[in-house]
Amino acid sequence: MTRKDMFVVSPRGGVLSACADIAGLEAASALLAVVESVLEAGEAVSDAERAAFLEHMAATLAEVVSIAANRLPVNAGTHAAAERLMRRA
């Protein structure tokens, strides 16, 4: 309502965290559907049009990797793997 951005750091596994994960996965799913339809068009799509999706695909993939890393069970081995994944995202 105020048009101000708000950021929340919620505890892992909380309701807000789950809502953010669901929104991220829904966005990734929608983008995947668009990209699949573009790829199915084949030659009808220019290289420039294909390149326009690259930045969005990279951002979406980073979001999905972040969601996956946060969903790993907490133990020494998975904690180290999650930290490595989060540094890349």
PDB file of N, CA and C in Angstrom:
ATOM      1  N   MET A   1       0.814  -1.189   0.000  1.00  0.00           N
ATOM      2  CA  MET A   1       0.000   0.000   0.000  1.00  0.00           C
ATOM      3  C   MET A   1       0.861   1.257   0.000  1.00  0.00           C
ATOM      4  N   THR A   2       2.017   1.193   0.647  1.00  0.00           N
ATOM      5  CA  THR A   2       2.873   2.370   0.707  1.00  0.00           C
ATOM      6  C   THR A   2       3.863   2.411  -0.444  1.00  0.00           C
ATOM      7  N   ARG A   3       3.882   1.336  -1.260  1.00  0.00           N
ATOM      8  CA  ARG A   3       4.816   1.197  -2.379  1.00  0.00           C
ATOM      9  C   ARG A   3       6.273   1.169  -1.904  1.00  0.00           C
ATOM     10  N   LYS A   4       6.488   0.755  -0.672  1.00  0.00           N
ATOM     11  CA  LYS A   4       7.828   0.600  -0.137  1.00  0.00           C
ATOM     12  C   LYS A   4       8.181  -0.876  -0.132  1.00  0.00           C
ATOM     13  N   ASP A   5       9.412  -1.185  -0.513  1.00  0.00           N
ATOM     14  CA  ASP A   5       9.869  -2.566  -0.465  1.00  0.00           C
ATOM     15  C   ASP A   5      10.112  -2.962   0.976  1.00  0.00           C
ATOM     16  N   MET A   6       9.755  -4.202   1.274  1.00  0.00           N
ATOM     17  CA  MET A   6       9.980  -4.721   2.615  1.00  0.00           C
ATOM     18  C   MET A   6      10.702  -6.052   2.492  1.00  0.00           C
ATOM     19  N   PHE A   7      11.630  -6.292   3.370  1.00  0.00           N
ATOM     20  CA  PHE A   7      12.384  -7.527   3.369  1.00  0.00           C
ATOM     21  C   PHE A   7      12.262  -8.173   4.738  1.00  0.00           C
ATOM     22  N   VAL A   8      12.115  -9.476   4.739  1.00  0.00           N
ATOM     23  CA  VAL A   8      11.965 -10.217   5.983  1.00  0.00           C
ATOM     24  C   VAL A   8      12.953 -11.376   5.969  1.00  0.00           C
ATOM     25  N   VAL A   9      13.644 -11.561   7.061  1.00  0.00           N
ATOM     26  CA  VAL A   9      14.479 -12.742   7.228  1.00  0.00           C
ATOM     27  C   VAL A   9      13.720 -13.633   8.197  1.00  0.00           C
ATOM     28  N   SER A  10      13.137 -14.681   7.635  1.00  0.00           N
ATOM     29  CA  SER A  10      12.307 -15.551   8.461  1.00  0.00           C
ATOM     30  C   SER A  10      13.101 -16.774   8.897  1.00  0.00           C
ATOM     31  N   PRO A  11      12.696 -17.392   9.968  1.00  0.00           N
ATOM     32  CA  PRO A  11      13.397 -18.600  10.408  1.00  0.00           C
ATOM     33  C   PRO A  11      13.200 -19.720   9.394  1.00  0.00           C
ATOM     34  N   ARG A  12      14.212 -20.547   9.284  1.00  0.00           N
ATOM     35  CA  ARG A  12      14.165 -21.657   8.343  1.00  0.00           C
ATOM     36  C   ARG A  12      12.987 -22.570   8.691  1.00  0.00           C
ATOM     37  N   GLY A  13      12.207 -22.910   7.672  1.00  0.00           N
ATOM     38  CA  GLY A  13      11.078 -23.796   7.875  1.00  0.00           C
ATOM     39  C   GLY A  13       9.819 -23.104   8.345  1.00  0.00           C
ATOM     40  N   GLY A  14       9.849 -21.781   8.465  1.00  0.00           N
ATOM     41  CA  GLY A  14       8.671 -21.050   8.918  1.00  0.00           C
ATOM     42  C   GLY A  14       7.665 -20.844   7.794  1.00  0.00           C
ATOM     43  N   VAL A  15       6.525 -20.277   8.146  1.00  0.00           N
ATOM     44  CA  VAL A  15       5.448 -20.053   7.186  1.00  0.00           C
ATOM     45  C   VAL A  15       5.876 -19.074   6.098  1.00  0.00           C
ATOM     46  N   LEU A  16       6.524 -17.986   6.484  1.00  0.00           N
ATOM     47  CA  LEU A  16       6.959 -17.008   5.482  1.00  0.00           C
ATOM     48  C   LEU A  16       7.992 -17.604   4.532  1.00  0.00           C
ATOM     49  N   SER A  17       8.874 -18.402   5.070  1.00  0.00           N
ATOM     50  CA  SER A  17       9.872 -19.066   4.236  1.00  0.00           C
ATOM     51  C   SER A  17       9.201 -20.003   3.235  1.00  0.00           C
ATOM     52  N   ALA A  18       8.216 -20.746   3.688  1.00  0.00           N
ATOM     53  CA  ALA A  18       7.482 -21.658   2.798  1.00  0.00           C
ATOM     54  C   ALA A  18       6.734 -20.887   1.716  1.00  0.00           C
ATOM     55  N   CYS A  19       6.115 -19.770   2.088  1.00  0.00           N
ATOM     56  CA  CYS A  19       5.404 -18.946   1.099  1.00  0.00           C
ATOM     57  C   CYS A  19       6.364 -18.405   0.038  1.00  0.00           C
ATOM     58  N   ALA A  20       7.527 -17.958   0.467  1.00  0.00           N
ATOM     59  CA  ALA A  20       8.520 -17.454  -0.481  1.00  0.00           C
ATOM     60  C   ALA A  20       8.996 -18.569  -1.400  1.00  0.00           C
ATOM     61  N   ASP A  21       9.200 -19.759  -0.859  1.00  0.00           N
ATOM     62  CA  ASP A  21       9.621 -20.895  -1.677  1.00  0.00           C
ATOM     63  C   ASP A  21       8.557 -21.250  -2.705  1.00  0.00           C
ATOM     64  N   ILE A  22       7.301 -21.262  -2.287  1.00  0.00           N
ATOM     65  CA  ILE A  22       6.208 -21.578  -3.207  1.00  0.00           C
ATOM     66  C   ILE A  22       6.131 -20.543  -4.324  1.00  0.00           C
ATOM     67  N   ALA A  23       6.251 -19.278  -3.976  1.00  0.00           N
ATOM     68  CA  ALA A  23       6.213 -18.227  -4.993  1.00  0.00           C
ATOM     69  C   ALA A  23       7.372 -18.370  -5.972  1.00  0.00           C
ATOM     70  N   GLY A  24       8.553 -18.676  -5.465  1.00  0.00           N
ATOM     71  CA  GLY A  24       9.712 -18.871  -6.332  1.00  0.00           C
ATOM     72  C   GLY A  24       9.536 -20.051  -7.264  1.00  0.00           C
ATOM     73  N   LEU A  25       9.000 -21.150  -6.751  1.00  0.00           N
ATOM     74  CA  LEU A  25       8.782 -22.332  -7.588  1.00  0.00           C
ATOM     75  C   LEU A  25       7.666 -22.100  -8.600  1.00  0.00           C
ATOM     76  N   GLU A  26       6.639 -21.345  -8.243  1.00  0.00           N
ATOM     77  CA  GLU A  26       5.577 -21.016  -9.202  1.00  0.00           C
ATOM     78  C   GLU A  26       6.130 -20.145 -10.331  1.00  0.00           C
ATOM     79  N   ALA A  27       6.965 -19.173  -9.990  1.00  0.00           N
ATOM     80  CA  ALA A  27       7.574 -18.323 -11.017  1.00  0.00           C
ATOM     81  C   ALA A  27       8.478 -19.138 -11.931  1.00  0.00           C
ATOM     82  N   ALA A  28       9.239 -20.051 -11.346  1.00  0.00           N
ATOM     83  CA  ALA A  28      10.115 -20.902 -12.147  1.00  0.00           C
ATOM     84  C   ALA A  28       9.306 -21.786 -13.080  1.00  0.00           C
ATOM     85  N   SER A  29       8.196 -22.308 -12.605  1.00  0.00           N
ATOM     86  CA  SER A  29       7.334 -23.154 -13.415  1.00  0.00           C
ATOM     87  C   SER A  29       6.738 -22.373 -14.587  1.00  0.00           C
ATOM     88  N   ALA A  30       6.287 -21.163 -14.328  1.00  0.00           N
ATOM     89  CA  ALA A  30       5.727 -20.324 -15.391  1.00  0.00           C
ATOM     90  C   ALA A  30       6.785 -19.979 -16.432  1.00  0.00           C
ATOM     91  N   LEU A  31       7.977 -19.610 -15.974  1.00  0.00           N
ATOM     92  CA  LEU A  31       9.053 -19.286 -16.904  1.00  0.00           C
ATOM     93  C   LEU A  31       9.458 -20.504 -17.723  1.00  0.00           C
ATOM     94  N   LEU A  32       9.488 -21.662 -17.101  1.00  0.00           N
ATOM     95  CA  LEU A  32       9.807 -22.894 -17.817  1.00  0.00           C
ATOM     96  C   LEU A  32       8.796 -23.142 -18.934  1.00  0.00           C
ATOM     97  N   ALA A  33       7.518 -22.941 -18.669  1.00  0.00           N
ATOM     98  CA  ALA A  33       6.488 -23.137 -19.694  1.00  0.00           C
ATOM     99  C   ALA A  33       6.693 -22.189 -20.873  1.00  0.00           C
ATOM    100  N   VAL A  34       7.040 -20.939 -20.584  1.00  0.00           N
ATOM    101  CA  VAL A  34       7.291 -19.966 -21.659  1.00  0.00           C
ATOM    102  C   VAL A  34       8.507 -20.376 -22.475  1.00  0.00           C
ATOM    103  N   VAL A  35       9.584 -20.732 -21.791  1.00  0.00           N
ATOM    104  CA  VAL A  35      10.815 -21.108 -22.495  1.00  0.00           C
ATOM    105  C   VAL A  35      10.598 -22.366 -23.332  1.00  0.00           C
ATOM    106  N   GLU A  36       9.862 -23.344 -22.803  1.00  0.00           N
ATOM    107  CA  GLU A  36       9.578 -24.555 -23.580  1.00  0.00           C
ATOM    108  C   GLU A  36       8.805 -24.229 -24.842  1.00  0.00           C
ATOM    109  N   SER A  37       7.833 -23.322 -24.756  1.00  0.00           N
ATOM    110  CA  SER A  37       7.072 -22.960 -25.953  1.00  0.00           C
ATOM    111  C   SER A  37       7.944 -22.208 -26.951  1.00  0.00           C
ATOM    112  N   VAL A  38       8.862 -21.388 -26.462  1.00  0.00           N
ATOM    113  CA  VAL A  38       9.787 -20.685 -27.353  1.00  0.00           C
ATOM    114  C   VAL A  38      10.700 -21.688 -28.050  1.00  0.00           C
ATOM    115  N   LEU A  39      11.214 -22.660 -27.301  1.00  0.00           N
ATOM    116  CA  LEU A  39      12.096 -23.657 -27.901  1.00  0.00           C
ATOM    117  C   LEU A  39      11.351 -24.532 -28.905  1.00  0.00           C
ATOM    118  N   GLU A  40      10.073 -24.819 -28.645  1.00  0.00           N
ATOM    119  CA  GLU A  40       9.283 -25.608 -29.582  1.00  0.00           C
ATOM    120  C   GLU A  40       9.047 -24.867 -30.885  1.00  0.00           C
ATOM    121  N   ALA A  41       9.061 -23.535 -30.841  1.00  0.00           N
ATOM    122  CA  ALA A  41       8.861 -22.739 -32.053  1.00  0.00           C
ATOM    123  C   ALA A  41      10.027 -22.899 -33.017  1.00  0.00           C
ATOM    124  N   GLY A  42      11.160 -23.327 -32.497  1.00  0.00           N
ATOM    125  CA  GLY A  42      12.320 -23.623 -33.335  1.00  0.00           C
ATOM    126  C   GLY A  42      12.827 -22.431 -34.117  1.00  0.00           C
ATOM    127  N   GLU A  43      12.847 -22.560 -35.420  1.00  0.00           N
ATOM    128  CA  GLU A  43      13.408 -21.536 -36.301  1.00  0.00           C
ATOM    129  C   GLU A  43      12.604 -20.243 -36.318  1.00  0.00           C
ATOM    130  N   ALA A  44      11.359 -20.280 -35.865  1.00  0.00           N
ATOM    131  CA  ALA A  44      10.521 -19.085 -35.872  1.00  0.00           C
ATOM    132  C   ALA A  44      10.973 -18.049 -34.846  1.00  0.00           C
ATOM    133  N   VAL A  45      11.882 -18.434 -33.967  1.00  0.00           N
ATOM    134  CA  VAL A  45      12.364 -17.544 -32.918  1.00  0.00           C
ATOM    135  C   VAL A  45      13.803 -17.128 -33.240  1.00  0.00           C
ATOM    136  N   SER A  46      14.058 -15.834 -33.155  1.00  0.00           N
ATOM    137  CA  SER A  46      15.400 -15.334 -33.464  1.00  0.00           C
ATOM    138  C   SER A  46      16.355 -15.583 -32.309  1.00  0.00           C
ATOM    139  N   ASP A  47      17.647 -15.479 -32.612  1.00  0.00           N
ATOM    140  CA  ASP A  47      18.660 -15.628 -31.563  1.00  0.00           C
ATOM    141  C   ASP A  47      18.506 -14.549 -30.496  1.00  0.00           C
ATOM    142  N   ALA A  48      18.146 -13.349 -30.913  1.00  0.00           N
ATOM    143  CA  ALA A  48      17.964 -12.252 -29.955  1.00  0.00           C
ATOM    144  C   ALA A  48      16.794 -12.541 -29.015  1.00  0.00           C
ATOM    145  N   GLU A  49      15.731 -13.118 -29.561  1.00  0.00           N
ATOM    146  CA  GLU A  49      14.583 -13.458 -28.723  1.00  0.00           C
ATOM    147  C   GLU A  49      14.950 -14.566 -27.736  1.00  0.00           C
ATOM    148  N   ARG A  50      15.709 -15.542 -28.179  1.00  0.00           N
ATOM    149  CA  ARG A  50      16.161 -16.597 -27.268  1.00  0.00           C
ATOM    150  C   ARG A  50      17.073 -16.027 -26.187  1.00  0.00           C
ATOM    151  N   ALA A  51      17.969 -15.126 -26.566  1.00  0.00           N
ATOM    152  CA  ALA A  51      18.911 -14.536 -25.614  1.00  0.00           C
ATOM    153  C   ALA A  51      18.181 -13.717 -24.546  1.00  0.00           C
ATOM    154  N   ALA A  52      17.017 -13.174 -24.886  1.00  0.00           N
ATOM    155  CA  ALA A  52      16.259 -12.373 -23.925  1.00  0.00           C
ATOM    156  C   ALA A  52      15.846 -13.199 -22.713  1.00  0.00           C
ATOM    157  N   PHE A  53      15.730 -14.513 -22.881  1.00  0.00           N
ATOM    158  CA  PHE A  53      15.329 -15.375 -21.778  1.00  0.00           C
ATOM    159  C   PHE A  53      16.501 -15.793 -20.896  1.00  0.00           C
ATOM    160  N   LEU A  54      17.715 -15.647 -21.363  1.00  0.00           N
ATOM    161  CA  LEU A  54      18.873 -16.172 -20.645  1.00  0.00           C
ATOM    162  C   LEU A  54      19.020 -15.578 -19.248  1.00  0.00           C
ATOM    163  N   GLU A  55      18.923 -14.282 -19.122  1.00  0.00           N
ATOM    164  CA  GLU A  55      19.074 -13.633 -17.809  1.00  0.00           C
ATOM    165  C   GLU A  55      17.980 -14.100 -16.845  1.00  0.00           C
ATOM    166  N   HIS A  56      16.748 -14.196 -17.336  1.00  0.00           N
ATOM    167  CA  HIS A  56      15.637 -14.640 -16.494  1.00  0.00           C
ATOM    168  C   HIS A  56      15.804 -16.103 -16.092  1.00  0.00           C
ATOM    169  N   MET A  57      16.293 -16.915 -17.005  1.00  0.00           N
ATOM    170  CA  MET A  57      16.514 -18.328 -16.686  1.00  0.00           C
ATOM    171  C   MET A  57      17.589 -18.471 -15.609  1.00  0.00           C
ATOM    172  N   ALA A  58      18.663 -17.695 -15.733  1.00  0.00           N
ATOM    173  CA  ALA A  58      19.736 -17.763 -14.741  1.00  0.00           C
ATOM    174  C   ALA A  58      19.226 -17.336 -13.362  1.00  0.00           C
ATOM    175  N   ALA A  59      18.449 -16.269 -13.301  1.00  0.00           N
ATOM    176  CA  ALA A  59      17.909 -15.798 -12.020  1.00  0.00           C
ATOM    177  C   ALA A  59      16.951 -16.825 -11.422  1.00  0.00           C
ATOM    178  N   THR A  60      16.132 -17.422 -12.261  1.00  0.00           N
ATOM    179  CA  THR A  60      15.185 -18.429 -11.784  1.00  0.00           C
ATOM    180  C   THR A  60      15.909 -19.670 -11.299  1.00  0.00           C
ATOM    181  N   LEU A  61      16.922 -20.092 -12.029  1.00  0.00           N
ATOM    182  CA  LEU A  61      17.696 -21.251 -11.608  1.00  0.00           C
ATOM    183  C   LEU A  61      18.382 -20.978 -10.270  1.00  0.00           C
ATOM    184  N   ALA A  62      18.908 -19.778 -10.086  1.00  0.00           N
ATOM    185  CA  ALA A  62      19.527 -19.416  -8.804  1.00  0.00           C
ATOM    186  C   ALA A  62      18.508 -19.489  -7.670  1.00  0.00           C
ATOM    187  N   GLU A  63      17.284 -19.055  -7.943  1.00  0.00           N
ATOM    188  CA  GLU A  63      16.213 -19.116  -6.927  1.00  0.00           C
ATOM    189  C   GLU A  63      15.888 -20.562  -6.554  1.00  0.00           C
ATOM    190  N   VAL A  64      15.780 -21.419  -7.572  1.00  0.00           N
ATOM    191  CA  VAL A  64      15.443 -22.822  -7.310  1.00  0.00           C
ATOM    192  C   VAL A  64      16.579 -23.515  -6.555  1.00  0.00           C
ATOM    193  N   VAL A  65      17.828 -23.209  -6.906  1.00  0.00           N
ATOM    194  CA  VAL A  65      18.972 -23.779  -6.179  1.00  0.00           C
ATOM    195  C   VAL A  65      18.950 -23.320  -4.725  1.00  0.00           C
ATOM    196  N   SER A  66      18.613 -22.061  -4.507  1.00  0.00           N
ATOM    197  CA  SER A  66      18.522 -21.539  -3.138  1.00  0.00           C
ATOM    198  C   SER A  66      17.431 -22.260  -2.348  1.00  0.00           C
ATOM    199  N   ILE A  67      16.287 -22.480  -2.967  1.00  0.00           N
ATOM    200  CA  ILE A  67      15.190 -23.196  -2.301  1.00  0.00           C
ATOM    201  C   ILE A  67      15.631 -24.612  -1.957  1.00  0.00           C
ATOM    202  N   ALA A  68      16.260 -25.280  -2.917  1.00  0.00           N
ATOM    203  CA  ALA A  68      16.718 -26.657  -2.687  1.00  0.00           C
ATOM    204  C   ALA A  68      17.752 -26.704  -1.565  1.00  0.00           C
ATOM    205  N   ALA A  69      18.673 -25.755  -1.564  1.00  0.00           N
ATOM    206  CA  ALA A  69      19.721 -25.743  -0.536  1.00  0.00           C
ATOM    207  C   ALA A  69      19.123 -25.522   0.847  1.00  0.00           C
ATOM    208  N   ASN A  70      18.114 -24.674   0.930  1.00  0.00           N
ATOM    209  CA  ASN A  70      17.480 -24.417   2.226  1.00  0.00           C
ATOM    210  C   ASN A  70      16.631 -25.579   2.705  1.00  0.00           C
ATOM    211  N   ARG A  71      16.255 -26.461   1.810  1.00  0.00           N
ATOM    212  CA  ARG A  71      15.415 -27.608   2.176  1.00  0.00           C
ATOM    213  C   ARG A  71      16.233 -28.838   2.559  1.00  0.00           C
ATOM    214  N   LEU A  72      17.553 -28.774   2.414  1.00  0.00           N
ATOM    215  CA  LEU A  72      18.383 -29.912   2.798  1.00  0.00           C
ATOM    216  C   LEU A  72      18.291 -30.138   4.300  1.00  0.00           C
ATOM    217  N   PRO A  73      18.297 -31.394   4.735  1.00  0.00           N
ATOM    218  CA  PRO A  73      18.294 -31.643   6.182  1.00  0.00           C
ATOM    219  C   PRO A  73      19.561 -31.078   6.824  1.00  0.00           C
ATOM    220  N   VAL A  74      19.435 -30.656   8.057  1.00  0.00           N
ATOM    221  CA  VAL A  74      20.557 -30.018   8.736  1.00  0.00           C
ATOM    222  C   VAL A  74      21.428 -31.086   9.408  1.00  0.00           C
ATOM    223  N   ASN A  75      22.617 -31.272   8.863  1.00  0.00           N
ATOM    224  CA  ASN A  75      23.660 -32.071   9.497  1.00  0.00           C
ATOM    225  C   ASN A  75      24.977 -31.579   8.914  1.00  0.00           C
ATOM    226  N   ALA A  76      26.095 -32.049   9.401  1.00  0.00           N
ATOM    227  CA  ALA A  76      27.400 -31.501   9.009  1.00  0.00           C
ATOM    228  C   ALA A  76      27.640 -31.605   7.506  1.00  0.00           C
ATOM    229  N   GLY A  77      27.332 -32.752   6.911  1.00  0.00           N
ATOM    230  CA  GLY A  77      27.581 -32.944   5.482  1.00  0.00           C
ATOM    231  C   GLY A  77      26.711 -32.077   4.602  1.00  0.00           C
ATOM    232  N   THR A  78      25.418 -32.063   4.877  1.00  0.00           N
ATOM    233  CA  THR A  78      24.527 -31.267   4.051  1.00  0.00           C
ATOM    234  C   THR A  78      24.690 -29.775   4.312  1.00  0.00           C
ATOM    235  N   HIS A  79      25.084 -29.404   5.522  1.00  0.00           N
ATOM    236  CA  HIS A  79      25.323 -27.993   5.816  1.00  0.00           C
ATOM    237  C   HIS A  79      26.454 -27.454   4.944  1.00  0.00           C
ATOM    238  N   ALA A  80      27.534 -28.202   4.814  1.00  0.00           N
ATOM    239  CA  ALA A  80      28.662 -27.771   3.978  1.00  0.00           C
ATOM    240  C   ALA A  80      28.234 -27.674   2.513  1.00  0.00           C
ATOM    241  N   ALA A  81      27.445 -28.649   2.041  1.00  0.00           N
ATOM    242  CA  ALA A  81      26.975 -28.622   0.656  1.00  0.00           C
ATOM    243  C   ALA A  81      26.060 -27.418   0.426  1.00  0.00           C
ATOM    244  N   ALA A  82      25.164 -27.145   1.365  1.00  0.00           N
ATOM    245  CA  ALA A  82      24.255 -26.012   1.237  1.00  0.00           C
ATOM    246  C   ALA A  82      25.020 -24.695   1.219  1.00  0.00           C
ATOM    247  N   GLU A  83      26.044 -24.572   2.043  1.00  0.00           N
ATOM    248  CA  GLU A  83      26.858 -23.350   2.039  1.00  0.00           C
ATOM    249  C   GLU A  83      27.528 -23.145   0.699  1.00  0.00           C
ATOM    250  N   ARG A  84      28.067 -24.204   0.104  1.00  0.00           N
ATOM    251  CA  ARG A  84      28.681 -24.092  -1.217  1.00  0.00           C
ATOM    252  C   ARG A  84      27.656 -23.657  -2.269  1.00  0.00           C
ATOM    253  N   LEU A  85      26.468 -24.240  -2.224  1.00  0.00           N
ATOM    254  CA  LEU A  85      25.421 -23.878  -3.182  1.00  0.00           C
ATOM    255  C   LEU A  85      25.007 -22.437  -3.012  1.00  0.00           C
ATOM    256  N   MET A  86      24.854 -21.971  -1.791  1.00  0.00           N
ATOM    257  CA  MET A  86      24.409 -20.607  -1.536  1.00  0.00           C
ATOM    258  C   MET A  86      25.447 -19.588  -1.973  1.00  0.00           C
ATOM    259  N   ARG A  87      26.714 -19.929  -1.878  1.00  0.00           N
ATOM    260  CA  ARG A  87      27.757 -18.997  -2.328  1.00  0.00           C
ATOM    261  C   ARG A  87      27.685 -18.802  -3.833  1.00  0.00           C
ATOM    262  N   ARG A  88      27.291 -19.844  -4.566  1.00  0.00           N
ATOM    263  CA  ARG A  88      27.196 -19.752  -6.023  1.00  0.00           C
ATOM    264  C   ARG A  88      25.961 -18.994  -6.461  1.00  0.00           C
ATOM    265  N   ALA A  89      24.899 -19.060  -5.649  1.00  0.00           N
ATOM    266  CA  ALA A  89      23.609 -18.460  -6.063  1.00  0.00           C
ATOM    267  C   ALA A  89      23.637 -16.951  -5.938  1.00  0.00           C
TER     268      ALA A  89
END
